[in-house]
Amino acid sequence: MDIHRRSSCRLLAGVLVAGSLAAGGAHAAGKGGAQPAPAAPAAAQVAPVFDMSPLPVTTGQMTQYILSPAGQLSGMLLADGTQVFFSHDLGEQLPAIARPGEQVSVNGLKGIGRPIVRAYAVTGPRGRRIADVRPPATAPMPVESPSIGPDVPVDGTILAPLYDMQGGVQGVIMRDHSVVYVGEKNASRLVAWLKPGATLHAIGTGVTGDHGTAINAREIGPDVNQAIHVEPADAPPPGAFPGSAGYDVIPGGSSGD
């Protein structure tokens, strides 16, 4: 008799415990479904590797962005004629802090004998600041440029020579803010045509949009009637194209092997 009574008590206690656990689980599930998912933690902002404050400061009004023929922001032109160049990372962030017509402050290295600045930090008119967060590269990264694409014509008057980050002339900036790239070799050969105040006609692949116009000139001259063909600055080296029958042929090599 006692054995049966103890068994019944144990069975009843087990049923009560199981029912309590099931009810608690359902209540927790109902509460969990009503609550929003926890927010993902905010990404940590990467701090600059170097202290930019000792670098010389250049201030002025930005008159335009300087685009690459692929549409990347590679620099900006200030009202006093200074051309400011920066990394690809800074170029992507610049429109968020400063637009043409606004004052900017630049921490960077000033050119010797050239109106250029290599920027490492830029502060916009509303106090927002962007800075390189990586150590400077030992060699400049190549600027992407479209070898093929729609032709974009440029006609007008030259405002200034276009420099690169090493101080070499690589094209011109027009008074209408268009940017024409020809490459250093062509620039030295066509120096008589690329003087400020001269008229210029050019056509080549490039971009035109809200941030400006930039082309890699394929034809260039004082006007359309005097235009000549030039090798674009981003032209591939001479030889067979990758994938073609002659691509793997080494000039001067034996063909009998």
C-alpha atoms as a PDB file:
ATOM      1  CA  MET A   1       0.000   0.000   0.000  1.00  0.00           C
ATOM      2  CA  ASP A   2       2.763   2.437   0.956  1.00  0.00           C
ATOM      3  CA  ILE A   3       4.631   1.481  -2.188  1.00  0.00           C
ATOM      4  CA  HIS A   4       1.660   2.360  -4.410  1.00  0.00           C
ATOM      5  CA  ARG A   5       1.099   5.643  -2.526  1.00  0.00           C
ATOM      6  CA  ARG A   6       4.741   6.686  -2.940  1.00  0.00           C
ATOM      7  CA  SER A   7       4.669   5.809  -6.663  1.00  0.00           C
ATOM      8  CA  SER A   8       1.502   7.861  -7.170  1.00  0.00           C
ATOM      9  CA  CYS A   9       3.039  10.880  -5.394  1.00  0.00           C
ATOM     10  CA  ARG A  10       6.189  10.643  -7.531  1.00  0.00           C
ATOM     11  CA  LEU A  11       4.119  10.407 -10.713  1.00  0.00           C
ATOM     12  CA  LEU A  12       2.012  13.430  -9.747  1.00  0.00           C
ATOM     13  CA  ALA A  13       5.124  15.476  -8.885  1.00  0.00           C
ATOM     14  CA  GLY A  14       6.698  14.607 -12.241  1.00  0.00           C
ATOM     15  CA  VAL A  15       3.575  15.708 -14.143  1.00  0.00           C
ATOM     16  CA  LEU A  16       3.459  19.010 -12.230  1.00  0.00           C
ATOM     17  CA  VAL A  17       7.159  19.726 -12.923  1.00  0.00           C
ATOM     18  CA  ALA A  18       6.828  18.903 -16.645  1.00  0.00           C
ATOM     19  CA  GLY A  19       3.757  21.129 -16.965  1.00  0.00           C
ATOM     20  CA  SER A  20       5.548  23.982 -15.211  1.00  0.00           C
ATOM     21  CA  LEU A  21       8.565  23.722 -17.544  1.00  0.00           C
ATOM     22  CA  ALA A  22       6.375  23.638 -20.655  1.00  0.00           C
ATOM     23  CA  ALA A  23       4.397  26.692 -19.558  1.00  0.00           C
ATOM     24  CA  GLY A  24       7.575  28.592 -18.727  1.00  0.00           C
ATOM     25  CA  GLY A  25       9.092  27.728 -22.109  1.00  0.00           C
ATOM     26  CA  ALA A  26       5.985  28.891 -23.977  1.00  0.00           C
ATOM     27  CA  HIS A  27       5.909  32.133 -21.973  1.00  0.00           C
ATOM     28  CA  ALA A  28       9.590  32.798 -22.737  1.00  0.00           C
ATOM     29  CA  ALA A  29       9.044  32.072 -26.423  1.00  0.00           C
ATOM     30  CA  GLY A  30       6.079  34.457 -26.512  1.00  0.00           C
ATOM     31  CA  LYS A  31       8.119  37.207 -24.861  1.00  0.00           C
ATOM     32  CA  GLY A  32      11.061  36.537 -27.180  1.00  0.00           C
ATOM     33  CA  GLY A  33       8.862  36.822 -30.272  1.00  0.00           C
ATOM     34  CA  ALA A  34       7.503  40.193 -29.140  1.00  0.00           C
ATOM     35  CA  GLN A  35      10.913  41.707 -28.436  1.00  0.00           C
ATOM     36  CA  PRO A  36      13.057  43.209 -31.252  1.00  0.00           C
ATOM     37  CA  ALA A  37      16.302  41.505 -32.147  1.00  0.00           C
ATOM     38  CA  PRO A  38      19.313  42.935 -30.306  1.00  0.00           C
ATOM     39  CA  ALA A  39      21.090  45.631 -32.310  1.00  0.00           C
ATOM     40  CA  ALA A  40      24.434  44.702 -33.859  1.00  0.00           C
ATOM     41  CA  PRO A  41      27.372  46.416 -32.179  1.00  0.00           C
ATOM     42  CA  ALA A  42      28.576  49.533 -34.002  1.00  0.00           C
ATOM     43  CA  ALA A  43      31.720  49.094 -36.057  1.00  0.00           C
ATOM     44  CA  ALA A  44      34.750  50.550 -34.357  1.00  0.00           C
ATOM     45  CA  GLN A  45      36.174  53.607 -36.101  1.00  0.00           C
ATOM     46  CA  VAL A  46      39.758  53.079 -37.176  1.00  0.00           C
ATOM     47  CA  ALA A  47      42.090  55.746 -35.845  1.00  0.00           C
ATOM     48  CA  PRO A  48      44.860  57.235 -38.030  1.00  0.00           C
ATOM     49  CA  VAL A  49      48.229  55.538 -37.658  1.00  0.00           C
ATOM     50  CA  PHE A  50      50.179  58.815 -37.689  1.00  0.00           C
ATOM     51  CA  ASP A  51      49.798  62.212 -36.036  1.00  0.00           C
ATOM     52  CA  MET A  52      48.963  64.640 -38.865  1.00  0.00           C
ATOM     53  CA  SER A  53      49.177  67.840 -36.798  1.00  0.00           C
ATOM     54  CA  PRO A  54      52.910  68.578 -37.455  1.00  0.00           C
ATOM     55  CA  LEU A  55      52.312  68.608 -41.228  1.00  0.00           C
ATOM     56  CA  PRO A  56      52.060  71.990 -42.977  1.00  0.00           C
ATOM     57  CA  VAL A  57      48.502  73.342 -43.222  1.00  0.00           C
ATOM     58  CA  THR A  58      47.059  74.675 -46.480  1.00  0.00           C
ATOM     59  CA  THR A  59      43.703  76.454 -46.427  1.00  0.00           C
ATOM     60  CA  GLY A  60      41.559  77.793 -49.223  1.00  0.00           C
ATOM     61  CA  GLN A  61      38.349  77.589 -51.166  1.00  0.00           C
ATOM     62  CA  MET A  62      37.821  74.444 -53.187  1.00  0.00           C
ATOM     63  CA  THR A  63      36.795  75.337 -56.750  1.00  0.00           C
ATOM     64  CA  GLN A  64      36.431  71.808 -58.155  1.00  0.00           C
ATOM     65  CA  TYR A  65      37.111  68.129 -57.697  1.00  0.00           C
ATOM     66  CA  ILE A  66      39.870  66.581 -59.815  1.00  0.00           C
ATOM     67  CA  LEU A  67      38.620  63.308 -61.251  1.00  0.00           C
ATOM     68  CA  SER A  68      40.448  60.420 -62.851  1.00  0.00           C
ATOM     69  CA  PRO A  69      39.142  59.213 -66.246  1.00  0.00           C
ATOM     70  CA  ALA A  70      37.436  56.372 -64.361  1.00  0.00           C
ATOM     71  CA  GLY A  71      35.531  58.830 -62.162  1.00  0.00           C
ATOM     72  CA  GLN A  72      37.595  58.488 -58.979  1.00  0.00           C
ATOM     73  CA  LEU A  73      38.250  61.603 -56.910  1.00  0.00           C
ATOM     74  CA  SER A  74      42.022  61.886 -57.000  1.00  0.00           C
ATOM     75  CA  GLY A  75      42.318  65.519 -55.925  1.00  0.00           C
ATOM     76  CA  MET A  76      40.818  68.997 -55.736  1.00  0.00           C
ATOM     77  CA  LEU A  77      41.707  72.437 -57.049  1.00  0.00           C
ATOM     78  CA  LEU A  78      41.819  75.442 -54.721  1.00  0.00           C
ATOM     79  CA  ALA A  79      41.004  79.007 -55.739  1.00  0.00           C
ATOM     80  CA  ASP A  80      44.670  80.062 -55.573  1.00  0.00           C
ATOM     81  CA  GLY A  81      45.616  77.372 -58.111  1.00  0.00           C
ATOM     82  CA  THR A  82      46.909  74.790 -55.625  1.00  0.00           C
ATOM     83  CA  GLN A  83      46.213  71.209 -56.666  1.00  0.00           C
ATOM     84  CA  VAL A  84      45.645  68.914 -53.695  1.00  0.00           C
ATOM     85  CA  PHE A  85      46.094  65.171 -54.223  1.00  0.00           C
ATOM     86  CA  PHE A  86      45.165  62.388 -51.837  1.00  0.00           C
ATOM     87  CA  SER A  87      44.668  58.656 -51.498  1.00  0.00           C
ATOM     88  CA  HIS A  88      41.742  56.752 -52.959  1.00  0.00           C
ATOM     89  CA  ASP A  89      40.268  56.339 -49.461  1.00  0.00           C
ATOM     90  CA  LEU A  90      40.228  60.103 -48.835  1.00  0.00           C
ATOM     91  CA  GLY A  91      38.796  60.706 -52.300  1.00  0.00           C
ATOM     92  CA  GLU A  92      35.810  58.489 -51.533  1.00  0.00           C
ATOM     93  CA  GLN A  93      35.100  60.391 -48.295  1.00  0.00           C
ATOM     94  CA  LEU A  94      35.684  63.970 -49.493  1.00  0.00           C
ATOM     95  CA  PRO A  95      32.213  64.730 -50.969  1.00  0.00           C
ATOM     96  CA  ALA A  96      30.664  63.964 -47.573  1.00  0.00           C
ATOM     97  CA  ILE A  97      32.595  66.770 -45.850  1.00  0.00           C
ATOM     98  CA  ALA A  98      33.235  69.436 -48.512  1.00  0.00           C
ATOM     99  CA  ARG A  99      31.869  70.567 -51.866  1.00  0.00           C
ATOM    100  CA  PRO A 100      33.154  73.018 -54.493  1.00  0.00           C
ATOM    101  CA  GLY A 101      32.787  76.589 -53.267  1.00  0.00           C
ATOM    102  CA  GLU A 102      33.497  75.700 -49.630  1.00  0.00           C
ATOM    103  CA  GLN A 103      36.560  76.328 -47.462  1.00  0.00           C
ATOM    104  CA  VAL A 104      38.849  73.433 -46.625  1.00  0.00           C
ATOM    105  CA  SER A 105      41.922  72.952 -44.467  1.00  0.00           C
ATOM    106  CA  VAL A 106      44.532  70.423 -45.559  1.00  0.00           C
ATOM    107  CA  ASN A 107      47.356  68.804 -43.606  1.00  0.00           C
ATOM    108  CA  GLY A 108      49.943  67.628 -46.105  1.00  0.00           C
ATOM    109  CA  LEU A 109      53.299  67.989 -47.805  1.00  0.00           C
ATOM    110  CA  LYS A 110      53.735  70.995 -50.087  1.00  0.00           C
ATOM    111  CA  GLY A 111      55.465  70.688 -53.425  1.00  0.00           C
ATOM    112  CA  ILE A 112      58.779  72.409 -54.149  1.00  0.00           C
ATOM    113  CA  GLY A 113      58.417  74.661 -57.180  1.00  0.00           C
ATOM    114  CA  ARG A 114      54.959  73.256 -57.978  1.00  0.00           C
ATOM    115  CA  PRO A 115      51.547  74.382 -56.658  1.00  0.00           C
ATOM    116  CA  ILE A 116      50.737  70.919 -55.324  1.00  0.00           C
ATOM    117  CA  VAL A 117      49.997  69.370 -51.934  1.00  0.00           C
ATOM    118  CA  ARG A 118      49.968  65.690 -51.020  1.00  0.00           C
ATOM    119  CA  ALA A 119      47.133  65.629 -48.445  1.00  0.00           C
ATOM    120  CA  TYR A 120      47.004  63.247 -45.498  1.00  0.00           C
ATOM    121  CA  ALA A 121      44.062  64.905 -43.707  1.00  0.00           C
ATOM    122  CA  VAL A 122      41.294  67.270 -44.831  1.00  0.00           C
ATOM    123  CA  THR A 123      38.894  69.296 -42.672  1.00  0.00           C
ATOM    124  CA  GLY A 124      35.665  70.608 -44.162  1.00  0.00           C
ATOM    125  CA  PRO A 125      33.750  73.811 -43.412  1.00  0.00           C
ATOM    126  CA  ARG A 126      31.513  72.140 -40.824  1.00  0.00           C
ATOM    127  CA  GLY A 127      34.428  70.788 -38.784  1.00  0.00           C
ATOM    128  CA  ARG A 128      34.311  67.226 -40.120  1.00  0.00           C
ATOM    129  CA  ARG A 129      37.748  65.752 -40.692  1.00  0.00           C
ATOM    130  CA  ILE A 130      38.984  62.812 -42.741  1.00  0.00           C
ATOM    131  CA  ALA A 131      42.479  61.351 -42.542  1.00  0.00           C
ATOM    132  CA  ASP A 132      44.554  58.518 -43.927  1.00  0.00           C
ATOM    133  CA  VAL A 133      44.377  55.589 -41.526  1.00  0.00           C
ATOM    134  CA  ARG A 134      47.112  53.565 -43.206  1.00  0.00           C
ATOM    135  CA  PRO A 135      50.839  54.193 -43.528  1.00  0.00           C
ATOM    136  CA  PRO A 136      51.731  55.927 -46.807  1.00  0.00           C
ATOM    137  CA  ALA A 137      52.525  53.542 -49.638  1.00  0.00           C
ATOM    138  CA  THR A 138      56.110  53.343 -50.828  1.00  0.00           C
ATOM    139  CA  ALA A 139      54.888  53.763 -54.414  1.00  0.00           C
ATOM    140  CA  PRO A 140      51.775  55.462 -55.804  1.00  0.00           C
ATOM    141  CA  MET A 141      48.888  53.160 -56.640  1.00  0.00           C
ATOM    142  CA  PRO A 142      47.938  53.185 -60.322  1.00  0.00           C
ATOM    143  CA  VAL A 143      44.796  55.146 -61.110  1.00  0.00           C
ATOM    144  CA  GLU A 144      42.121  53.082 -62.780  1.00  0.00           C
ATOM    145  CA  SER A 145      41.274  54.367 -66.244  1.00  0.00           C
ATOM    146  CA  PRO A 146      38.895  53.026 -68.852  1.00  0.00           C
ATOM    147  CA  SER A 147      40.656  51.825 -71.998  1.00  0.00           C
ATOM    148  CA  ILE A 148      37.289  51.430 -73.680  1.00  0.00           C
ATOM    149  CA  GLY A 149      34.017  53.228 -73.202  1.00  0.00           C
ATOM    150  CA  PRO A 150      31.983  56.149 -74.534  1.00  0.00           C
ATOM    151  CA  ASP A 151      33.857  59.016 -76.138  1.00  0.00           C
ATOM    152  CA  VAL A 152      33.617  62.290 -74.229  1.00  0.00           C
ATOM    153  CA  PRO A 153      34.546  65.496 -76.107  1.00  0.00           C
ATOM    154  CA  VAL A 154      36.126  68.484 -74.395  1.00  0.00           C
ATOM    155  CA  ASP A 155      36.394  71.925 -76.022  1.00  0.00           C
ATOM    156  CA  GLY A 156      37.391  75.163 -74.355  1.00  0.00           C
ATOM    157  CA  THR A 157      40.201  77.176 -72.819  1.00  0.00           C
ATOM    158  CA  ILE A 158      43.002  75.793 -70.668  1.00  0.00           C
ATOM    159  CA  LEU A 159      43.097  77.032 -67.087  1.00  0.00           C
ATOM    160  CA  ALA A 160      46.216  75.283 -65.763  1.00  0.00           C
ATOM    161  CA  PRO A 161      48.504  72.307 -66.292  1.00  0.00           C
ATOM    162  CA  LEU A 162      47.415  69.158 -64.484  1.00  0.00           C
ATOM    163  CA  TYR A 163      50.099  67.714 -62.212  1.00  0.00           C
ATOM    164  CA  ASP A 164      50.472  64.289 -60.692  1.00  0.00           C
ATOM    165  CA  MET A 165      51.494  63.503 -57.121  1.00  0.00           C
ATOM    166  CA  GLN A 166      55.188  63.551 -58.105  1.00  0.00           C
ATOM    167  CA  GLY A 167      54.948  67.002 -59.721  1.00  0.00           C
ATOM    168  CA  GLY A 168      54.984  65.839 -63.352  1.00  0.00           C
ATOM    169  CA  VAL A 169      52.590  67.371 -65.870  1.00  0.00           C
ATOM    170  CA  GLN A 170      50.057  64.781 -67.017  1.00  0.00           C
ATOM    171  CA  GLY A 171      47.439  66.930 -68.745  1.00  0.00           C
ATOM    172  CA  VAL A 172      45.417  70.098 -68.288  1.00  0.00           C
ATOM    173  CA  ILE A 173      42.522  71.516 -66.288  1.00  0.00           C
ATOM    174  CA  MET A 174      40.057  73.501 -68.382  1.00  0.00           C
ATOM    175  CA  ARG A 175      38.229  76.684 -67.374  1.00  0.00           C
ATOM    176  CA  ASP A 176      34.946  74.777 -67.480  1.00  0.00           C
ATOM    177  CA  HIS A 177      36.484  72.398 -64.859  1.00  0.00           C
ATOM    178  CA  SER A 178      36.967  69.502 -67.278  1.00  0.00           C
ATOM    179  CA  VAL A 179      40.158  67.485 -66.799  1.00  0.00           C
ATOM    180  CA  VAL A 180      42.133  66.165 -69.776  1.00  0.00           C
ATOM    181  CA  TYR A 181      44.782  63.473 -69.243  1.00  0.00           C
ATOM    182  CA  VAL A 182      47.482  62.882 -71.875  1.00  0.00           C
ATOM    183  CA  GLY A 183      50.310  61.307 -69.859  1.00  0.00           C
ATOM    184  CA  GLU A 184      53.753  62.759 -69.125  1.00  0.00           C
ATOM    185  CA  LYS A 185      55.334  61.773 -72.450  1.00  0.00           C
ATOM    186  CA  ASN A 186      52.592  63.371 -74.520  1.00  0.00           C
ATOM    187  CA  ALA A 187      52.519  66.427 -72.252  1.00  0.00           C
ATOM    188  CA  SER A 188      56.215  67.115 -72.815  1.00  0.00           C
ATOM    189  CA  ARG A 189      55.801  66.617 -76.570  1.00  0.00           C
ATOM    190  CA  LEU A 190      52.707  68.847 -76.821  1.00  0.00           C
ATOM    191  CA  VAL A 191      53.838  71.542 -74.396  1.00  0.00           C
ATOM    192  CA  ALA A 192      53.155  74.325 -76.947  1.00  0.00           C
ATOM    193  CA  TRP A 193      49.474  73.337 -77.065  1.00  0.00           C
ATOM    194  CA  LEU A 194      48.987  72.900 -73.329  1.00  0.00           C
ATOM    195  CA  LYS A 195      49.643  76.447 -72.103  1.00  0.00           C
ATOM    196  CA  PRO A 196      47.124  78.269 -69.869  1.00  0.00           C
ATOM    197  CA  GLY A 197      44.865  80.493 -71.958  1.00  0.00           C
ATOM    198  CA  ALA A 198      45.194  78.355 -75.111  1.00  0.00           C
ATOM    199  CA  THR A 199      42.148  76.818 -76.757  1.00  0.00           C
ATOM    200  CA  LEU A 200      41.993  73.040 -76.838  1.00  0.00           C
ATOM    201  CA  HIS A 201      39.938  70.311 -78.429  1.00  0.00           C
ATOM    202  CA  ALA A 202      40.226  66.763 -77.069  1.00  0.00           C
ATOM    203  CA  ILE A 203      38.265  63.563 -77.251  1.00  0.00           C
ATOM    204  CA  GLY A 204      38.723  60.279 -75.429  1.00  0.00           C
ATOM    205  CA  THR A 205      37.191  57.780 -73.046  1.00  0.00           C
ATOM    206  CA  GLY A 206      36.194  59.066 -69.656  1.00  0.00           C
ATOM    207  CA  VAL A 207      33.351  60.193 -67.431  1.00  0.00           C
ATOM    208  CA  THR A 208      31.051  63.161 -67.076  1.00  0.00           C
ATOM    209  CA  GLY A 209      28.626  63.645 -64.209  1.00  0.00           C
ATOM    210  CA  ASP A 210      27.802  65.493 -61.006  1.00  0.00           C
ATOM    211  CA  HIS A 211      31.428  65.593 -59.840  1.00  0.00           C
ATOM    212  CA  GLY A 212      32.828  66.798 -63.163  1.00  0.00           C
ATOM    213  CA  THR A 213      34.309  65.602 -66.434  1.00  0.00           C
ATOM    214  CA  ALA A 214      37.591  63.787 -67.012  1.00  0.00           C
ATOM    215  CA  ILE A 215      38.921  62.050 -70.111  1.00  0.00           C
ATOM    216  CA  ASN A 216      41.953  60.134 -71.285  1.00  0.00           C
ATOM    217  CA  ALA A 217      42.651  61.949 -74.555  1.00  0.00           C
ATOM    218  CA  ARG A 218      43.021  59.953 -77.738  1.00  0.00           C
ATOM    219  CA  GLU A 219      42.807  62.958 -80.085  1.00  0.00           C
ATOM    220  CA  ILE A 220      43.974  66.433 -79.157  1.00  0.00           C
ATOM    221  CA  GLY A 221      44.783  69.762 -80.791  1.00  0.00           C
ATOM    222  CA  PRO A 222      44.157  73.509 -80.725  1.00  0.00           C
ATOM    223  CA  ASP A 223      40.867  72.812 -82.543  1.00  0.00           C
ATOM    224  CA  VAL A 224      39.106  69.922 -84.230  1.00  0.00           C
ATOM    225  CA  ASN A 225      40.797  70.629 -87.587  1.00  0.00           C
ATOM    226  CA  GLN A 226      44.312  70.443 -86.112  1.00  0.00           C
ATOM    227  CA  ALA A 227      43.726  67.517 -83.805  1.00  0.00           C
ATOM    228  CA  ILE A 228      46.188  64.637 -83.924  1.00  0.00           C
ATOM    229  CA  HIS A 229      46.041  61.096 -82.587  1.00  0.00           C
ATOM    230  CA  VAL A 230      48.000  60.422 -79.394  1.00  0.00           C
ATOM    231  CA  GLU A 231      48.580  57.201 -77.483  1.00  0.00           C
ATOM    232  CA  PRO A 232      46.262  57.310 -74.450  1.00  0.00           C
ATOM    233  CA  ALA A 233      47.975  57.503 -71.086  1.00  0.00           C
ATOM    234  CA  ASP A 234      46.514  54.137 -70.079  1.00  0.00           C
ATOM    235  CA  ALA A 235      47.295  52.338 -73.342  1.00  0.00           C
ATOM    236  CA  PRO A 236      48.501  48.743 -72.824  1.00  0.00           C
ATOM    237  CA  PRO A 237      52.086  47.936 -73.806  1.00  0.00           C
ATOM    238  CA  PRO A 238      52.636  46.939 -77.443  1.00  0.00           C
ATOM    239  CA  GLY A 239      52.204  43.293 -78.321  1.00  0.00           C
ATOM    240  CA  ALA A 240      49.537  40.660 -78.600  1.00  0.00           C
ATOM    241  CA  PHE A 241      46.538  40.870 -76.299  1.00  0.00           C
ATOM    242  CA  PRO A 242      46.190  38.299 -73.493  1.00  0.00           C
ATOM    243  CA  GLY A 243      44.490  35.161 -74.789  1.00  0.00           C
ATOM    244  CA  SER A 244      45.461  35.708 -78.399  1.00  0.00           C
ATOM    245  CA  ALA A 245      47.579  33.246 -80.414  1.00  0.00           C
ATOM    246  CA  GLY A 246      50.705  35.369 -80.214  1.00  0.00           C
ATOM    247  CA  TYR A 247      50.469  36.300 -76.526  1.00  0.00           C
ATOM    248  CA  ASP A 248      52.852  33.565 -75.332  1.00  0.00           C
ATOM    249  CA  VAL A 249      55.326  34.018 -78.165  1.00  0.00           C
ATOM    250  CA  ILE A 250      58.593  35.539 -76.932  1.00  0.00           C
ATOM    251  CA  PRO A 251      60.175  37.826 -79.554  1.00  0.00           C
ATOM    252  CA  GLY A 252      63.539  36.380 -80.594  1.00  0.00           C
ATOM    253  CA  GLY A 253      62.760  33.031 -79.030  1.00  0.00           C
ATOM    254  CA  SER A 254      63.069  29.735 -80.868  1.00  0.00           C
ATOM    255  CA  SER A 255      59.859  28.576 -82.602  1.00  0.00           C
ATOM    256  CA  GLY A 256      61.138  25.058 -83.129  1.00  0.00           C
ATOM    257  CA  ASP A 257      60.728  23.996 -79.497  1.00  0.00           C
END
